[in-house]
Protein backbone atom coordinates (compact mmCIF):
# COMPACT_ATOMS: atom_id res chain seq x y z
CA UNK A 1 0.01 0.00 -0.10
CA UNK A 2 1.39 3.53 -0.95
CA UNK A 3 1.47 6.38 1.24
CA UNK A 4 -1.33 7.94 -0.57
CA UNK A 5 -3.40 4.95 -0.13
CA UNK A 6 -2.97 4.43 3.88
CA UNK A 7 -3.73 8.44 3.89
CA UNK A 8 -6.98 8.02 2.24
CA UNK A 9 -7.90 4.81 4.10
CA UNK A 10 -6.79 7.29 7.66
CA UNK A 11 -9.01 9.75 6.46
CA UNK A 12 -11.97 7.65 5.58
CA UNK A 13 -11.77 6.15 9.00
CA UNK A 14 -11.61 9.66 10.58
CA UNK A 15 -14.62 10.42 8.21
CA UNK A 16 -16.57 7.59 9.39
CA UNK A 17 -15.83 8.19 12.88
CA UNK A 18 -16.88 11.59 12.69
CA UNK A 19 -20.06 10.79 10.84
CA UNK A 20 -20.98 8.03 13.32
CA UNK A 21 -20.51 10.34 16.57
CA UNK A 22 -22.84 12.62 14.46
CA UNK A 23 -25.35 10.55 14.34
CA UNK A 24 -25.34 8.82 10.70
CA UNK A 25 -26.19 5.26 9.87
CA UNK A 26 -23.75 3.03 8.08
CA UNK A 27 -25.32 3.07 5.25
CA UNK A 28 -25.58 7.10 5.01
CA UNK A 29 -21.81 6.99 5.71
CA UNK A 30 -20.99 4.34 3.09
CA UNK A 31 -23.22 6.62 0.43
CA UNK A 32 -21.39 9.71 1.36
CA UNK A 33 -17.84 8.30 1.24
CA UNK A 34 -18.56 6.31 -2.08
CA UNK A 35 -20.83 8.65 -3.72
CA UNK A 36 -22.09 6.20 -6.23
CA UNK A 37 -24.37 8.08 -8.17
CA UNK A 38 -22.69 11.47 -8.07
CA UNK A 39 -22.11 13.15 -11.41
CA UNK A 40 -24.03 14.40 -14.33
CA UNK A 41 -25.60 12.46 -17.50
CA UNK A 42 -24.56 14.61 -20.52
CA UNK A 43 -27.77 13.14 -22.42
CA UNK A 44 -30.16 12.79 -19.62
CA UNK A 45 -33.96 12.85 -20.60
CA UNK A 46 -34.82 14.59 -17.49
CA UNK A 47 -33.22 17.09 -15.00
CA UNK A 48 -33.71 19.56 -12.79
CA UNK A 49 -31.74 21.58 -9.82
CA UNK A 50 -32.99 23.15 -6.48
CA UNK A 51 -31.28 24.94 -3.97
CA UNK A 52 -32.49 24.20 -0.36
CA UNK A 53 -32.85 26.58 2.49
CA UNK A 54 -29.63 25.82 3.90
CA UNK A 55 -27.82 26.84 0.45
CA UNK A 56 -26.96 23.18 -0.35
CA UNK A 57 -27.74 22.78 -4.38
CA UNK A 58 -28.67 19.32 -6.34
CA UNK A 59 -28.84 18.68 -9.87
CA UNK A 60 -30.71 15.39 -10.86
CA UNK A 61 -30.12 13.77 -14.10
CA UNK A 62 -32.40 11.02 -15.41
CA UNK A 63 -31.91 8.69 -18.37
CA UNK A 64 -34.96 6.84 -19.28
CA UNK A 65 -34.73 3.11 -21.03
CA UNK A 66 -37.90 1.57 -22.25
CA UNK A 67 -40.30 3.39 -19.66
CA UNK A 68 -37.88 2.95 -16.81
CA UNK A 69 -35.00 4.84 -14.84
CA UNK A 70 -32.08 3.52 -16.84
CA UNK A 71 -29.74 5.44 -15.05
CA UNK A 72 -29.85 8.66 -12.72
CA UNK A 73 -27.17 10.96 -10.88
CA UNK A 74 -27.25 13.76 -8.64
CA UNK A 75 -24.79 16.70 -8.62
CA UNK A 76 -24.95 17.89 -5.04
CA UNK A 77 -22.93 20.90 -3.70
CA UNK A 78 -23.59 20.54 0.11
CA UNK A 79 -23.42 18.29 3.29
CA UNK A 80 -23.02 14.58 4.19
CA UNK A 81 -26.88 14.49 4.75
CA UNK A 82 -27.42 15.91 1.16
CA UNK A 83 -25.39 13.58 -0.78
CA UNK A 84 -26.52 10.50 1.57
CA UNK A 85 -29.84 11.60 0.81
CA UNK A 86 -29.53 12.33 -2.89
CA UNK A 87 -27.68 8.78 -3.27
CA UNK A 88 -30.24 6.79 -1.67
CA UNK A 89 -33.02 8.38 -4.01
CA UNK A 90 -30.87 7.07 -7.23
CA UNK A 91 -31.30 3.47 -5.39
CA UNK A 92 -35.08 3.86 -5.22
CA UNK A 93 -35.79 4.82 -8.73
CA UNK A 94 -33.16 2.93 -10.76
CA UNK A 95 -35.23 0.58 -12.83
CA UNK A 96 -38.62 1.68 -11.76
CA UNK A 97 -40.87 3.65 -13.81
CA UNK A 98 -41.73 7.47 -13.38
CA UNK A 99 -45.12 6.84 -11.57
CA UNK A 100 -42.87 4.79 -8.88
CA UNK A 101 -40.47 7.54 -8.69
CA UNK A 102 -43.28 10.14 -8.07
CA UNK A 103 -44.32 8.14 -4.95
CA UNK A 104 -40.63 8.72 -3.23
CA UNK A 105 -41.23 10.55 -0.02
CA UNK A 106 -39.10 11.89 2.93
CA UNK A 107 -39.96 8.76 4.82
CA UNK A 108 -39.24 6.14 2.20
CA UNK A 109 -35.58 7.70 1.91
CA UNK A 110 -35.11 7.89 5.54
CA UNK A 111 -35.79 4.57 5.63
CA UNK A 112 -32.90 3.85 3.48
CA UNK A 113 -30.67 5.93 5.51
CA UNK A 114 -31.53 4.03 8.49
CA UNK A 115 -30.26 7.29 10.70
CA UNK A 116 -29.36 10.67 9.93
CA UNK A 117 -28.95 13.60 12.27
CA UNK A 118 -32.49 15.56 13.08
CA UNK A 119 -30.84 18.85 11.95
CA UNK A 120 -30.06 17.15 8.47
CA UNK A 121 -33.72 15.70 7.81
CA UNK A 122 -34.23 18.81 5.37
CA UNK A 123 -31.66 17.22 3.33
CA UNK A 124 -33.72 14.35 2.67
CA UNK A 125 -36.40 16.89 1.44
CA UNK A 126 -34.57 18.42 -0.72
CA UNK A 127 -33.35 15.74 -2.61
CA UNK A 128 -37.07 14.57 -3.00
CA UNK A 129 -38.10 17.93 -3.82
CA UNK A 130 -35.54 17.70 -6.63
CA UNK A 131 -36.63 14.77 -7.84
CA UNK A 132 -40.11 15.89 -8.00
CA UNK A 133 -39.61 19.11 -9.60
CA UNK A 134 -37.92 17.22 -12.20
CA UNK A 135 -40.71 14.44 -12.76
CA UNK A 136 -43.29 17.44 -12.80
CA UNK A 137 -41.59 19.58 -15.29
CA UNK A 138 -40.99 16.07 -17.43
CA UNK A 139 -44.97 15.55 -17.05
CA UNK A 140 -45.56 18.98 -18.16
CA UNK A 141 -43.40 18.76 -21.31
CA UNK A 142 -45.06 15.43 -21.78
CA UNK A 143 -48.44 17.00 -22.11
CA UNK A 144 -47.74 19.83 -24.03
């Protein structure tokens, strides 16, 4: 293992310890550290962006595949709660149709995350609102 890998591993352990002490579940921590769905989809079929009351900003990108969400990503400028919530939303909607995606609410995302600090529950709301804003805009576009 190189010094860089060792430092990264030590830093990751420190971040995990801090987030655990702050009230994040291991699931939420893993989403934050790994950021599996962070980024953009250049040819996304559905997009939206939203800024929360805390100043965190999210953009969502959804690529459809035969009527279901084939791929989705969030671009997040925000805290661990915001990133974890956004990553959980993607896990919930990938492979599902848009009607199902529309049923996603704060409670659904909280169940996936298992635990995040009470002061970060607004992050879940932001991730869900960003999703719903994108779906609403897509619905309007389809009916026009």
